[in-house]
Amino acid sequence: MKVIVVLFMMFCSASMFAQTYTNKEVKLDQAFVDSISKIEYPYLLPIWGKKVAEKGFKLPLSAGIGVNYYWQESKVVINELYVGFNNGQQYFMDDIVRFNDAVASSNIVNVRPDFWILPFLNVYGIFAVSDTSTQIDLDIVVPTEDGYRNVLQIQTLQEFEGVSAGFGITPTVGVGGGWFALDMNFTWTDLDALDKPAFSFIFGPRMGKTFKFNKPDSNLAVWFGGFKVAINSDTNGNLGVSDIFNFDGINEKLDNAEVALADTRVNLDTWFNNLSPIEQIQNQIKYSTATAALNKADQFVDNFSDAVDSAENSTVQYSLEKRQKEAWNFLLGTQYQLNQEWMIRGEFGFLGSRKQILVGLNYRFGL
């Protein structure tokens, strides 16, 4: 059953943007508004930047590059699971597998160039490397005459390295230092364990306030918001058995599983044969379903035992559907802007089944 563990991986790209925005000063800052409108806007981007500046909007420098570190841990729900060994038949496992826990974690370093294409629209690229792990705790269970029996328990940890690329857009609006942003990005991550890159979509609405300091162009922004992750649900892969499992004590576990399956089959047959003819008719579907599950579990344990015996040459093939246990969690963040060029940012995600931390450094320049 260890095969199952291998299957589950999830990569979440970070929603990473430097919190700059085009800001409309309020009437209390009329002198500042007038001073902005008199300055000749020197850059090609954003489009209509000169016209917007003439109307009293203060624009950020039009291009930037950021480096970010992102850590996340989240729970994953897995179903529609098929497993096979050594390119043999894949078996549908949902009826005999119970996931106690499936946790995906990622450490990501991200480089993110960005450009203000329009005064209220930032567009950016995502280039990242990641170390991702998936920890699985599951049971193999079979029906009995009065419930279910756990015949094999598996815990495993699988680690992956990935390379990601993608893009994002962030529409923003700011008035008097208050602002609202809708960050969206689309990322593809290539992992050795998967047949094709994993896709993720991040949506992060944020609302915040920027507080000025006496030092020109220096300020502190604080915000709160949400973070939604959607990942492609279909996953197919192929892994070596020896790359997945710790074989310490595995033969004993498999022997115990075979004994438990045989004992369960005897008890099930004895229960059914002791029923009256009418009761057998009433319980025929239950008996047939339990027998089919036992047959599948027997086949799986046999195939898995064979794969363990020749672990160096054995492989596991799988397909499954996965999703975040909870799509949304909350964010709190802050950014200190030293000047127009340099910014330091931190963000913390909490509540729900996902936790995340982001720290980043951003440098801006005019184009």
Protein backbone atom coordinates (compact mmCIF):
# COMPACT_ATOMS: atom_id res chain seq x y z
CA MET A 1 0.00 0.00 0.00
CA LYS A 2 2.88 2.20 0.29
CA VAL A 3 2.42 3.00 -3.22
CA ILE A 4 -0.23 5.42 -2.25
CA VAL A 5 2.01 7.62 -0.36
CA VAL A 6 4.02 8.50 -3.32
CA LEU A 7 1.20 9.89 -5.18
CA PHE A 8 0.46 12.89 -3.24
CA MET A 9 2.18 16.06 -3.85
CA MET A 10 1.00 19.57 -4.02
CA PHE A 11 2.84 22.70 -4.88
CA CYS A 12 1.39 26.12 -4.14
CA SER A 13 3.03 29.05 -5.79
CA ALA A 14 3.23 32.11 -3.60
CA SER A 15 1.25 35.21 -4.31
CA MET A 16 4.16 37.64 -4.29
CA PHE A 17 3.86 41.27 -5.18
CA ALA A 18 5.61 44.34 -3.85
CA GLN A 19 2.90 46.51 -2.37
CA THR A 20 3.27 49.58 -4.55
CA TYR A 21 0.35 51.28 -6.19
CA THR A 22 -0.79 54.43 -7.95
CA ASN A 23 -2.09 56.70 -5.23
CA LYS A 24 -4.50 59.64 -5.51
CA GLU A 25 -3.62 62.19 -2.82
CA VAL A 26 -6.51 63.72 -0.89
CA LYS A 27 -7.33 67.44 -0.74
CA LEU A 28 -5.45 67.85 2.57
CA ASP A 29 -2.31 67.20 0.51
CA GLN A 30 -3.27 69.66 -2.20
CA ALA A 31 0.16 71.27 -2.25
CA PHE A 32 1.71 67.85 -2.85
CA VAL A 33 -0.88 67.10 -5.54
CA ASP A 34 -0.01 70.36 -7.28
CA SER A 35 3.71 69.60 -7.09
CA ILE A 36 3.19 66.16 -8.68
CA SER A 37 1.15 67.59 -11.53
CA LYS A 38 3.94 70.06 -12.39
CA ILE A 39 6.65 67.41 -12.66
CA GLU A 40 7.32 66.05 -16.15
CA TYR A 41 6.79 62.28 -16.02
CA PRO A 42 10.04 60.79 -17.43
CA TYR A 43 9.20 57.11 -18.11
CA LEU A 44 7.57 55.15 -20.94
CA LEU A 45 5.60 52.94 -18.54
CA PRO A 46 2.91 52.80 -17.48
CA ILE A 47 0.81 53.64 -20.50
CA TRP A 48 -0.94 56.98 -19.82
CA GLY A 49 1.50 57.54 -16.97
CA LYS A 50 2.14 61.16 -17.95
CA LYS A 51 -1.57 61.99 -18.13
CA VAL A 52 -2.28 60.32 -14.80
CA ALA A 53 0.62 62.14 -13.10
CA GLU A 54 -0.70 65.46 -14.42
CA LYS A 55 -3.97 64.76 -12.60
CA GLY A 56 -2.19 64.53 -9.25
CA PHE A 57 -1.64 60.78 -8.96
CA LYS A 58 1.69 59.61 -7.52
CA LEU A 59 2.97 56.62 -9.47
CA PRO A 60 5.50 54.04 -8.29
CA LEU A 61 8.61 53.39 -10.34
CA SER A 62 7.39 51.47 -13.34
CA ALA A 63 9.53 48.29 -13.13
CA GLY A 64 10.96 46.13 -10.42
CA ILE A 65 12.54 42.84 -9.52
CA GLY A 66 11.87 40.98 -6.31
CA VAL A 67 13.38 38.01 -4.50
CA ASN A 68 11.08 36.17 -2.12
CA TYR A 69 11.25 33.21 0.22
CA TYR A 70 7.95 31.41 0.79
CA TRP A 71 7.05 28.52 3.10
CA GLN A 72 3.65 26.86 3.23
CA GLU A 73 2.05 23.82 4.81
CA SER A 74 -1.42 22.66 3.86
CA LYS A 75 -3.69 19.66 4.07
CA VAL A 76 -4.78 17.90 0.90
CA VAL A 77 -7.85 15.77 0.16
CA ILE A 78 -7.26 12.83 -2.20
CA ASN A 79 -9.77 10.66 -4.02
CA GLU A 80 -10.31 8.75 -7.27
CA LEU A 81 -7.11 6.88 -6.50
CA TYR A 82 -5.77 4.18 -8.83
CA VAL A 83 -2.57 2.25 -8.02
CA GLY A 84 -0.55 -0.39 -9.85
CA PHE A 85 2.93 -1.94 -9.71
CA ASN A 86 5.52 -2.50 -12.43
CA ASN A 87 3.23 -1.18 -15.19
CA GLY A 88 0.60 -3.77 -14.37
CA GLN A 89 -3.11 -3.27 -13.85
CA GLN A 90 -4.07 -0.24 -11.77
CA TYR A 91 -6.71 -0.84 -9.11
CA PHE A 92 -9.31 1.64 -7.88
CA MET A 93 -8.47 2.10 -4.20
CA ASP A 94 -11.03 4.50 -2.74
CA ASP A 95 -13.12 1.69 -1.26
CA ILE A 96 -10.24 0.21 0.76
CA VAL A 97 -8.10 3.28 1.58
CA ARG A 98 -8.73 5.76 4.40
CA PHE A 99 -6.48 8.80 4.58
CA ASN A 100 -5.85 9.85 8.15
CA ASP A 101 -3.73 12.77 7.05
CA ALA A 102 -2.15 14.16 3.90
CA VAL A 103 0.06 17.21 4.38
CA ALA A 104 2.02 19.02 1.68
CA SER A 105 4.75 21.52 2.51
CA SER A 106 6.93 23.69 0.29
CA ASN A 107 10.04 25.85 0.59
CA ILE A 108 10.21 28.18 -2.38
CA VAL A 109 12.67 30.80 -3.60
CA ASN A 110 11.06 33.06 -6.15
CA VAL A 111 12.41 35.72 -8.53
CA ARG A 112 9.71 38.05 -9.77
CA PRO A 113 10.19 40.80 -12.38
CA ASP A 114 7.21 43.15 -12.69
CA PHE A 115 6.01 46.08 -14.80
CA TRP A 116 3.26 48.65 -14.41
CA ILE A 117 1.60 48.33 -17.81
CA LEU A 118 -1.25 50.66 -16.85
CA PRO A 119 -1.37 53.04 -13.89
CA PHE A 120 -3.65 50.60 -12.06
CA LEU A 121 -2.41 47.28 -13.48
CA ASN A 122 0.82 45.49 -12.57
CA VAL A 123 1.96 42.46 -14.61
CA TYR A 124 4.70 40.13 -13.41
CA GLY A 125 6.57 36.92 -14.15
CA ILE A 126 7.32 34.07 -11.74
CA PHE A 127 10.49 31.98 -11.78
CA ALA A 128 11.04 29.71 -8.80
CA VAL A 129 12.80 26.66 -7.41
CA SER A 130 11.20 24.63 -4.65
CA ASP A 131 11.73 21.78 -2.22
CA THR A 132 8.37 20.11 -1.67
CA SER A 133 7.41 17.21 0.56
CA THR A 134 4.24 15.22 1.06
CA GLN A 135 3.57 13.30 4.25
CA ILE A 136 0.84 10.67 4.14
CA ASP A 137 -0.81 8.63 6.88
CA LEU A 138 -3.31 6.07 5.60
CA ASP A 139 -5.00 2.81 6.45
CA ILE A 140 -6.01 -0.12 4.29
CA VAL A 141 -9.44 -1.18 5.51
CA VAL A 142 -11.82 -3.94 4.50
CA PRO A 143 -15.52 -4.43 5.30
CA THR A 144 -16.59 -6.94 7.92
CA GLU A 145 -20.01 -8.24 8.83
CA ASP A 146 -20.49 -5.39 11.31
CA GLY A 147 -18.16 -2.58 10.21
CA TYR A 148 -14.60 -2.18 8.95
CA ARG A 149 -11.22 -3.62 9.91
CA ASN A 150 -7.87 -1.91 9.52
CA VAL A 151 -5.44 -4.46 8.07
CA LEU A 152 -2.44 -2.26 7.19
CA GLN A 153 -1.27 1.19 8.24
CA ILE A 154 1.23 3.22 6.23
CA GLN A 155 3.07 6.44 6.95
CA THR A 156 5.51 7.85 4.47
CA LEU A 157 7.34 11.02 3.51
CA GLN A 158 8.22 11.80 -0.08
CA GLU A 159 10.41 14.74 -1.07
CA PHE A 160 10.56 16.45 -4.45
CA GLU A 161 12.49 19.23 -6.13
CA GLY A 162 10.67 21.43 -8.59
CA VAL A 163 11.14 24.28 -11.03
CA SER A 164 8.28 26.71 -11.63
CA ALA A 165 7.36 29.39 -14.12
CA GLY A 166 4.27 31.53 -14.50
CA PHE A 167 2.81 34.99 -14.61
CA GLY A 168 0.44 37.19 -12.65
CA ILE A 169 -1.60 40.38 -12.74
CA THR A 170 -2.48 42.77 -9.93
CA PRO A 171 -5.14 45.46 -10.47
CA THR A 172 -4.91 48.08 -7.70
CA VAL A 173 -6.51 51.34 -6.64
CA GLY A 174 -5.28 53.77 -3.99
CA VAL A 175 -6.71 56.96 -2.47
CA GLY A 176 -5.16 58.91 0.38
CA GLY A 177 -2.83 56.07 1.32
CA GLY A 178 -5.62 53.48 1.52
CA TRP A 179 -5.57 50.84 -1.18
CA PHE A 180 -7.17 47.70 -2.53
CA ALA A 181 -5.43 45.04 -4.66
CA LEU A 182 -6.56 41.88 -6.44
CA ASP A 183 -3.54 39.67 -6.99
CA MET A 184 -3.85 36.69 -9.36
CA ASN A 185 -1.18 34.37 -10.67
CA PHE A 186 -0.92 31.25 -12.80
CA THR A 187 2.01 28.87 -12.24
CA TRP A 188 3.25 25.59 -13.69
CA THR A 189 5.64 23.42 -11.65
CA ASP A 190 7.71 20.59 -13.08
CA LEU A 191 8.46 17.70 -10.70
CA ASP A 192 10.26 14.43 -11.43
CA ALA A 193 7.44 12.42 -9.81
CA LEU A 194 4.71 13.71 -12.13
CA ASP A 195 4.00 12.92 -15.77
CA LYS A 196 3.20 16.55 -16.53
CA PRO A 197 3.69 19.92 -14.77
CA ALA A 198 1.35 20.73 -11.90
CA PHE A 199 -0.78 23.86 -12.40
CA SER A 200 -1.86 26.19 -9.62
CA PHE A 201 -3.93 29.37 -9.55
CA ILE A 202 -3.63 31.87 -6.70
CA PHE A 203 -6.16 34.60 -5.94
CA GLY A 204 -5.29 37.07 -3.20
CA PRO A 205 -7.49 40.11 -2.50
CA ARG A 206 -5.90 42.57 -0.06
CA MET A 207 -6.92 45.83 1.56
CA GLY A 208 -4.53 48.07 3.44
CA LYS A 209 -3.26 51.45 4.51
CA THR A 210 0.10 53.13 3.94
CA PHE A 211 1.52 55.46 6.59
CA LYS A 212 4.06 58.11 5.58
CA PHE A 213 7.25 58.98 7.46
CA ASN A 214 9.05 62.31 7.53
CA LYS A 215 11.75 60.88 5.30
CA PRO A 216 10.75 61.42 1.65
CA ASP A 217 9.31 58.34 -0.07
CA SER A 218 9.65 56.28 3.12
CA ASN A 219 6.51 54.61 4.45
CA LEU A 220 5.01 51.57 6.14
CA ALA A 221 2.12 49.63 4.63
CA VAL A 222 -0.06 47.17 6.57
CA TRP A 223 -2.83 45.02 5.13
CA PHE A 224 -5.17 42.11 5.60
CA GLY A 225 -6.73 39.88 3.00
CA GLY A 226 -7.47 36.40 1.75
CA PHE A 227 -5.57 33.70 -0.08
CA LYS A 228 -7.25 31.15 -2.34
CA VAL A 229 -5.48 28.23 -4.01
CA ALA A 230 -6.77 26.10 -6.85
CA ILE A 231 -4.62 23.24 -8.18
CA ASN A 232 -5.14 20.96 -11.14
CA SER A 233 -7.04 18.02 -9.73
CA ASP A 234 -5.79 15.24 -12.02
CA THR A 235 -2.36 13.81 -11.22
CA ASN A 236 -0.56 10.88 -12.83
CA GLY A 237 2.89 9.63 -11.99
CA ASN A 238 5.47 6.87 -11.88
CA LEU A 239 7.98 6.34 -9.03
CA GLY A 240 10.45 3.75 -7.85
CA VAL A 241 9.26 1.74 -4.85
CA SER A 242 12.64 2.13 -3.14
CA ASP A 243 12.36 5.92 -3.46
CA ILE A 244 9.15 6.05 -1.46
CA PHE A 245 9.15 3.79 1.53
CA ASN A 246 11.16 2.98 4.59
CA PHE A 247 11.36 -0.80 4.47
CA ASP A 248 12.12 -1.25 8.16
CA GLY A 249 9.57 -3.73 9.48
CA ILE A 250 7.61 -3.74 6.23
CA ASN A 251 7.71 -7.51 5.74
CA GLU A 252 6.22 -8.04 9.19
CA LYS A 253 3.48 -5.52 8.43
CA LEU A 254 2.65 -7.26 5.17
CA ASP A 255 2.62 -10.69 6.84
CA ASN A 256 0.24 -9.34 9.49
CA ALA A 257 -1.95 -7.86 6.76
CA GLU A 258 -2.21 -11.23 5.01
CA VAL A 259 -3.22 -12.90 8.29
CA ALA A 260 -5.78 -10.17 9.01
CA LEU A 261 -7.29 -10.51 5.54
CA ALA A 262 -7.57 -14.29 5.82
CA ASP A 263 -9.14 -14.00 9.27
CA THR A 264 -11.61 -11.38 8.04
CA ARG A 265 -12.60 -13.57 5.10
CA VAL A 266 -13.27 -16.56 7.38
CA ASN A 267 -15.37 -14.46 9.74
CA LEU A 268 -17.33 -12.93 6.86
CA ASP A 269 -18.07 -16.32 5.26
CA THR A 270 -19.05 -17.80 8.62
CA TRP A 271 -21.43 -14.92 9.32
CA PHE A 272 -23.08 -15.16 5.89
CA ASN A 273 -23.39 -18.97 5.94
CA ASN A 274 -25.08 -18.86 9.36
CA LEU A 275 -27.82 -16.56 8.09
CA SER A 276 -31.21 -17.90 7.15
CA PRO A 277 -32.02 -18.05 3.41
CA ILE A 278 -34.16 -14.92 3.67
CA GLU A 279 -31.43 -13.10 5.61
CA GLN A 280 -28.88 -14.14 2.99
CA ILE A 281 -31.01 -12.58 0.27
CA GLN A 282 -31.33 -9.42 2.34
CA ASN A 283 -27.56 -9.25 2.92
CA GLN A 284 -26.34 -10.49 -0.47
CA ILE A 285 -25.23 -7.03 -1.68
CA LYS A 286 -23.37 -6.37 1.57
CA TYR A 287 -21.64 -9.76 1.38
CA SER A 288 -20.71 -9.38 -2.29
CA THR A 289 -19.34 -5.88 -1.73
CA ALA A 290 -17.24 -7.03 1.24
CA THR A 291 -15.94 -10.04 -0.70
CA ALA A 292 -14.93 -7.85 -3.65
CA ALA A 293 -13.09 -5.47 -1.31
CA LEU A 294 -11.26 -8.40 0.32
CA ASN A 295 -10.24 -9.74 -3.09
CA LYS A 296 -8.88 -6.34 -4.08
CA ALA A 297 -7.00 -5.93 -0.80
CA ASP A 298 -5.55 -9.44 -1.17
CA GLN A 299 -4.35 -8.65 -4.68
CA PHE A 300 -2.89 -5.36 -3.61
CA VAL A 301 -0.98 -6.82 -0.65
CA ASP A 302 0.37 -9.63 -2.86
CA ASN A 303 1.54 -7.17 -5.54
CA PHE A 304 3.02 -4.88 -2.95
CA SER A 305 4.88 -7.75 -1.29
CA ASP A 306 6.34 -8.75 -4.68
CA ALA A 307 7.39 -5.14 -5.29
CA VAL A 308 9.13 -4.98 -1.89
CA ASP A 309 10.99 -8.23 -2.60
CA SER A 310 12.44 -6.71 -5.76
CA ALA A 311 12.42 -3.10 -4.59
CA GLU A 312 15.41 -1.90 -6.61
CA ASN A 313 13.64 -2.75 -9.87
CA SER A 314 10.03 -2.11 -8.86
CA THR A 315 7.92 0.91 -9.76
CA VAL A 316 4.57 2.31 -8.72
CA GLN A 317 2.11 3.86 -11.17
CA TYR A 318 -0.78 5.96 -9.95
CA SER A 319 -3.48 8.44 -10.84
CA LEU A 320 -5.62 10.50 -8.49
CA GLU A 321 -7.62 13.64 -7.97
CA LYS A 322 -6.55 16.07 -5.28
CA ARG A 323 -7.70 19.37 -3.83
CA GLN A 324 -6.96 21.67 -0.96
CA LYS A 325 -8.87 20.68 2.16
CA GLU A 326 -9.91 24.34 2.43
CA ALA A 327 -9.47 26.71 -0.49
CA TRP A 328 -9.24 29.94 1.56
CA ASN A 329 -7.23 31.24 4.47
CA PHE A 330 -6.51 34.74 5.84
CA LEU A 331 -3.47 36.98 5.44
CA LEU A 332 -1.79 39.70 7.47
CA GLY A 333 1.10 41.59 5.93
CA THR A 334 3.39 44.57 6.18
CA GLN A 335 5.95 46.32 4.00
CA TYR A 336 8.58 48.89 4.85
CA GLN A 337 9.56 51.14 1.97
CA LEU A 338 13.00 52.64 2.54
CA ASN A 339 12.70 54.84 -0.56
CA GLN A 340 11.22 54.61 -4.04
CA GLU A 341 13.72 51.89 -4.98
CA TRP A 342 13.93 49.50 -2.01
CA MET A 343 11.15 47.67 -0.12
CA ILE A 344 11.10 44.86 2.45
CA ARG A 345 7.95 42.80 2.84
CA GLY A 346 6.57 40.13 5.16
CA GLU A 347 3.28 38.23 5.15
CA PHE A 348 1.68 35.57 7.33
CA GLY A 349 -1.20 33.29 6.36
CA PHE A 350 -3.29 31.58 9.01
CA LEU A 351 -6.59 29.88 9.89
CA GLY A 352 -8.06 27.04 7.92
CA SER A 353 -5.87 24.07 6.96
CA ARG A 354 -3.03 26.12 5.46
CA LYS A 355 -0.20 28.10 7.07
CA GLN A 356 2.27 30.23 5.16
CA ILE A 357 5.08 32.73 5.65
CA LEU A 358 6.58 35.02 3.04
CA VAL A 359 9.53 37.43 3.24
CA GLY A 360 10.84 39.40 0.31
CA LEU A 361 13.07 42.19 -0.96
CA ASN A 362 12.05 44.33 -3.94
CA TYR A 363 14.07 46.79 -6.02
CA ARG A 364 12.29 49.24 -8.34
CA PHE A 365 13.46 51.39 -11.23
CA GLY A 366 11.92 53.45 -14.00
CA LEU A 367 11.36 52.36 -17.60
